[in-house]
């Protein structure tokens, strides 16, 4: 089941996060939630914001996703805990 959730997460969030892997996903499907730990922000995540920074490193400690399982991930509530990032000025 974790592999199915991994594919859904990669499709929905892959442009924002890397390291989405079934080994880091903890399921509570009947409770309508799952948690993924140890992912990172994609290097180009800030590019569309035209900020004068470059993301060099990132680590997202935990992302918890709650959903109504009958609605097939159409209404998600996402809680992200502890984002660590190293950024440098654009050259």
N, C-alpha and C. Protein backbone atom coordinates (compact mmCIF):
# COMPACT_ATOMS: atom_id res chain seq x y z
N UNK A 1 0.82 -1.20 0.00
CA UNK A 1 0.00 0.00 0.00
C UNK A 1 0.86 1.27 0.00
N UNK A 2 2.03 1.19 0.69
CA UNK A 2 2.92 2.35 0.74
C UNK A 2 3.39 2.75 -0.66
N UNK A 3 3.59 1.77 -1.53
CA UNK A 3 4.05 2.07 -2.89
C UNK A 3 2.98 2.82 -3.69
N UNK A 4 1.73 2.51 -3.45
CA UNK A 4 0.63 3.23 -4.12
C UNK A 4 0.61 4.68 -3.65
N UNK A 5 0.71 4.87 -2.33
CA UNK A 5 0.74 6.22 -1.77
C UNK A 5 1.97 6.97 -2.28
N UNK A 6 3.10 6.28 -2.39
CA UNK A 6 4.32 6.90 -2.92
C UNK A 6 4.08 7.45 -4.33
N UNK A 7 3.45 6.68 -5.18
CA UNK A 7 3.18 7.13 -6.55
C UNK A 7 2.23 8.33 -6.58
N UNK A 8 1.22 8.31 -5.71
CA UNK A 8 0.29 9.44 -5.64
C UNK A 8 1.01 10.69 -5.15
N UNK A 9 1.84 10.54 -4.12
CA UNK A 9 2.59 11.67 -3.59
C UNK A 9 3.56 12.23 -4.62
N UNK A 10 4.23 11.37 -5.35
CA UNK A 10 5.15 11.85 -6.38
C UNK A 10 4.41 12.61 -7.47
N UNK A 11 3.23 12.15 -7.80
CA UNK A 11 2.44 12.84 -8.82
C UNK A 11 1.96 14.20 -8.31
N UNK A 12 1.47 14.25 -7.08
CA UNK A 12 0.90 15.49 -6.53
C UNK A 12 1.97 16.48 -6.06
N UNK A 13 3.06 15.96 -5.45
CA UNK A 13 4.03 16.83 -4.77
C UNK A 13 5.44 16.75 -5.34
N UNK A 14 5.67 15.94 -6.35
CA UNK A 14 7.01 15.73 -6.88
C UNK A 14 7.71 16.97 -7.38
N UNK A 15 6.97 17.95 -7.83
CA UNK A 15 7.64 19.17 -8.29
C UNK A 15 8.10 20.06 -7.13
N UNK A 16 7.62 19.77 -5.92
CA UNK A 16 8.01 20.54 -4.74
C UNK A 16 9.00 19.81 -3.84
N UNK A 17 8.89 18.47 -3.77
CA UNK A 17 9.69 17.68 -2.84
C UNK A 17 10.41 16.55 -3.57
N UNK A 18 11.60 16.21 -3.07
CA UNK A 18 12.30 15.02 -3.55
C UNK A 18 12.49 14.07 -2.37
N UNK A 19 12.83 12.83 -2.67
CA UNK A 19 13.05 11.83 -1.63
C UNK A 19 11.78 11.15 -1.16
N UNK A 20 10.70 11.31 -1.92
CA UNK A 20 9.45 10.64 -1.56
C UNK A 20 9.63 9.16 -1.86
N UNK A 21 9.64 8.37 -0.82
CA UNK A 21 9.94 6.95 -0.95
C UNK A 21 9.02 6.16 -0.01
N UNK A 22 8.56 5.02 -0.46
CA UNK A 22 7.62 4.22 0.34
C UNK A 22 8.21 3.82 1.69
N UNK A 23 9.53 3.78 1.81
CA UNK A 23 10.17 3.40 3.06
C UNK A 23 9.99 4.44 4.16
N UNK A 24 9.68 5.68 3.76
CA UNK A 24 9.53 6.77 4.73
C UNK A 24 8.07 7.16 4.96
N UNK A 25 7.15 6.39 4.41
CA UNK A 25 5.73 6.71 4.53
C UNK A 25 5.11 5.86 5.63
N UNK A 26 4.40 6.51 6.54
CA UNK A 26 3.69 5.82 7.62
C UNK A 26 2.20 6.03 7.40
N UNK A 27 1.48 4.94 7.21
CA UNK A 27 0.07 5.03 6.84
C UNK A 27 -0.87 4.90 8.02
N UNK A 28 -1.94 5.66 7.95
CA UNK A 28 -3.09 5.54 8.82
C UNK A 28 -4.31 5.71 7.93
N UNK A 29 -4.42 4.86 6.93
CA UNK A 29 -5.42 5.06 5.87
C UNK A 29 -6.84 5.15 6.39
N UNK A 30 -7.21 4.28 7.31
CA UNK A 30 -8.59 4.33 7.81
C UNK A 30 -8.82 5.58 8.64
N UNK A 31 -7.77 6.09 9.23
CA UNK A 31 -7.88 7.34 9.99
C UNK A 31 -7.85 8.54 9.06
N UNK A 32 -7.54 8.32 7.79
CA UNK A 32 -7.51 9.40 6.82
C UNK A 32 -6.27 10.25 6.90
N UNK A 33 -5.13 9.63 7.16
CA UNK A 33 -3.90 10.40 7.21
C UNK A 33 -2.69 9.52 6.93
N UNK A 34 -1.63 10.15 6.51
CA UNK A 34 -0.35 9.48 6.41
C UNK A 34 0.74 10.51 6.65
N UNK A 35 1.90 10.01 7.01
CA UNK A 35 3.04 10.86 7.33
C UNK A 35 4.23 10.40 6.50
N UNK A 36 4.98 11.35 5.99
CA UNK A 36 6.24 11.04 5.31
C UNK A 36 7.33 11.86 5.98
N UNK A 37 8.46 11.21 6.21
CA UNK A 37 9.56 11.86 6.93
C UNK A 37 10.82 11.85 6.08
N UNK A 38 11.66 12.84 6.30
CA UNK A 38 12.97 12.85 5.68
C UNK A 38 12.99 13.16 4.20
N UNK A 39 12.19 14.11 3.76
CA UNK A 39 12.20 14.52 2.37
C UNK A 39 12.87 15.88 2.25
N UNK A 40 13.02 16.36 1.03
CA UNK A 40 13.65 17.66 0.84
C UNK A 40 12.89 18.48 -0.19
N UNK A 41 13.15 19.76 -0.20
CA UNK A 41 12.56 20.65 -1.20
C UNK A 41 13.34 20.52 -2.50
N UNK A 42 12.63 20.51 -3.61
CA UNK A 42 13.29 20.47 -4.91
C UNK A 42 14.17 21.71 -5.06
N UNK A 43 15.35 21.60 -5.66
CA UNK A 43 16.25 22.74 -5.78
C UNK A 43 15.62 23.97 -6.45
N UNK A 44 14.73 23.79 -7.39
CA UNK A 44 14.13 24.92 -8.10
C UNK A 44 12.80 25.39 -7.55
N UNK A 45 12.46 24.99 -6.34
CA UNK A 45 11.14 25.29 -5.78
C UNK A 45 10.88 26.80 -5.65
N UNK A 46 11.92 27.59 -5.47
CA UNK A 46 11.74 29.03 -5.31
C UNK A 46 11.84 29.80 -6.62
N UNK A 47 12.19 29.14 -7.71
CA UNK A 47 12.42 29.84 -8.97
C UNK A 47 11.23 30.66 -9.44
N UNK A 48 10.04 30.13 -9.33
CA UNK A 48 8.86 30.84 -9.82
C UNK A 48 8.53 32.07 -8.97
N UNK A 49 9.12 32.18 -7.79
CA UNK A 49 8.87 33.32 -6.91
C UNK A 49 9.78 34.50 -7.21
N UNK A 50 10.75 34.29 -8.11
CA UNK A 50 11.71 35.34 -8.49
C UNK A 50 12.42 35.94 -7.28
N UNK A 51 12.77 35.10 -6.33
CA UNK A 51 13.53 35.54 -5.16
C UNK A 51 15.01 35.57 -5.50
N UNK A 52 15.75 36.46 -4.88
CA UNK A 52 17.19 36.57 -5.19
C UNK A 52 18.03 35.54 -4.43
N UNK A 53 17.53 34.31 -4.29
CA UNK A 53 18.22 33.26 -3.54
C UNK A 53 18.26 31.97 -4.35
N UNK A 54 19.21 31.12 -3.98
CA UNK A 54 19.33 29.78 -4.55
C UNK A 54 19.29 28.80 -3.39
N UNK A 55 18.47 27.79 -3.50
CA UNK A 55 18.37 26.75 -2.47
C UNK A 55 19.53 25.78 -2.66
N UNK A 56 20.37 25.66 -1.65
CA UNK A 56 21.55 24.78 -1.72
C UNK A 56 21.30 23.44 -1.04
N UNK A 57 20.52 23.45 0.03
CA UNK A 57 20.23 22.23 0.78
C UNK A 57 18.91 22.41 1.50
N UNK A 58 18.17 21.32 1.63
CA UNK A 58 16.94 21.38 2.42
C UNK A 58 16.63 20.02 3.02
N UNK A 59 15.90 20.06 4.11
CA UNK A 59 15.45 18.86 4.78
C UNK A 59 14.12 19.17 5.42
N UNK A 60 13.12 18.37 5.10
CA UNK A 60 11.79 18.49 5.71
C UNK A 60 11.65 17.31 6.66
N UNK A 61 11.58 17.63 7.94
CA UNK A 61 11.54 16.57 8.94
C UNK A 61 10.30 15.69 8.82
N UNK A 62 9.15 16.34 8.65
CA UNK A 62 7.90 15.57 8.66
C UNK A 62 6.80 16.32 7.91
N UNK A 63 6.06 15.59 7.09
CA UNK A 63 4.89 16.14 6.43
C UNK A 63 3.72 15.18 6.69
N UNK A 64 2.70 15.71 7.33
CA UNK A 64 1.52 14.91 7.63
C UNK A 64 0.39 15.37 6.72
N UNK A 65 -0.24 14.41 6.07
CA UNK A 65 -1.33 14.71 5.14
C UNK A 65 -2.60 14.04 5.66
N UNK A 66 -3.63 14.85 5.85
CA UNK A 66 -4.95 14.33 6.26
C UNK A 66 -5.90 14.52 5.10
N UNK A 67 -6.81 13.57 4.94
CA UNK A 67 -7.72 13.61 3.80
C UNK A 67 -9.00 12.84 4.12
N UNK A 68 -10.01 13.11 3.34
CA UNK A 68 -11.24 12.32 3.41
C UNK A 68 -11.08 11.19 2.40
N UNK A 69 -10.88 9.97 2.86
CA UNK A 69 -10.52 8.88 1.97
C UNK A 69 -11.59 8.59 0.92
N UNK A 70 -12.79 8.98 1.17
CA UNK A 70 -13.85 8.76 0.17
C UNK A 70 -13.77 9.75 -0.99
N UNK A 71 -13.02 10.83 -0.79
CA UNK A 71 -12.90 11.86 -1.82
C UNK A 71 -11.62 11.73 -2.63
N UNK A 72 -10.89 10.65 -2.45
CA UNK A 72 -9.70 10.34 -3.25
C UNK A 72 -8.72 11.50 -3.35
N UNK A 73 -8.28 12.01 -2.26
CA UNK A 73 -7.24 13.03 -2.18
C UNK A 73 -7.64 14.37 -2.81
N UNK A 74 -8.92 14.66 -2.92
CA UNK A 74 -9.31 15.94 -3.51
C UNK A 74 -9.24 17.08 -2.50
N UNK A 75 -9.46 16.80 -1.23
CA UNK A 75 -9.37 17.82 -0.17
C UNK A 75 -8.31 17.39 0.83
N UNK A 76 -7.10 17.92 0.67
CA UNK A 76 -5.99 17.56 1.54
C UNK A 76 -5.71 18.67 2.54
N UNK A 77 -5.35 18.27 3.75
CA UNK A 77 -4.83 19.20 4.75
C UNK A 77 -3.40 18.75 5.02
N UNK A 78 -2.46 19.67 4.81
CA UNK A 78 -1.05 19.32 4.91
C UNK A 78 -0.41 20.11 6.05
N UNK A 79 0.27 19.39 6.93
CA UNK A 79 1.01 20.00 8.03
C UNK A 79 2.48 19.63 7.86
N UNK A 80 3.33 20.64 7.69
CA UNK A 80 4.76 20.40 7.52
C UNK A 80 5.47 20.89 8.77
N UNK A 81 6.33 20.02 9.32
CA UNK A 81 7.07 20.35 10.53
C UNK A 81 8.56 20.43 10.22
N UNK A 82 9.18 21.50 10.69
CA UNK A 82 10.62 21.66 10.67
C UNK A 82 11.25 21.54 9.29
N UNK A 83 11.24 22.63 8.58
CA UNK A 83 11.94 22.73 7.31
C UNK A 83 13.29 23.41 7.58
N UNK A 84 14.36 22.73 7.21
CA UNK A 84 15.69 23.29 7.34
C UNK A 84 16.20 23.55 5.94
N UNK A 85 16.77 24.73 5.72
CA UNK A 85 17.24 25.08 4.39
C UNK A 85 18.49 25.93 4.46
N UNK A 86 19.36 25.72 3.50
CA UNK A 86 20.52 26.59 3.30
C UNK A 86 20.32 27.25 1.95
N UNK A 87 20.30 28.56 1.97
CA UNK A 87 20.14 29.34 0.74
C UNK A 87 21.32 30.32 0.62
N UNK A 88 21.64 30.66 -0.61
CA UNK A 88 22.68 31.65 -0.87
C UNK A 88 22.12 32.67 -1.85
N UNK A 89 22.71 33.84 -1.90
CA UNK A 89 22.26 34.83 -2.87
C UNK A 89 22.53 34.35 -4.31
N UNK A 90 21.66 34.74 -5.21
CA UNK A 90 21.91 34.46 -6.62
C UNK A 90 23.11 35.27 -7.07
N UNK A 91 23.90 34.67 -7.91
CA UNK A 91 25.10 35.38 -8.40
C UNK A 91 24.82 36.13 -9.68
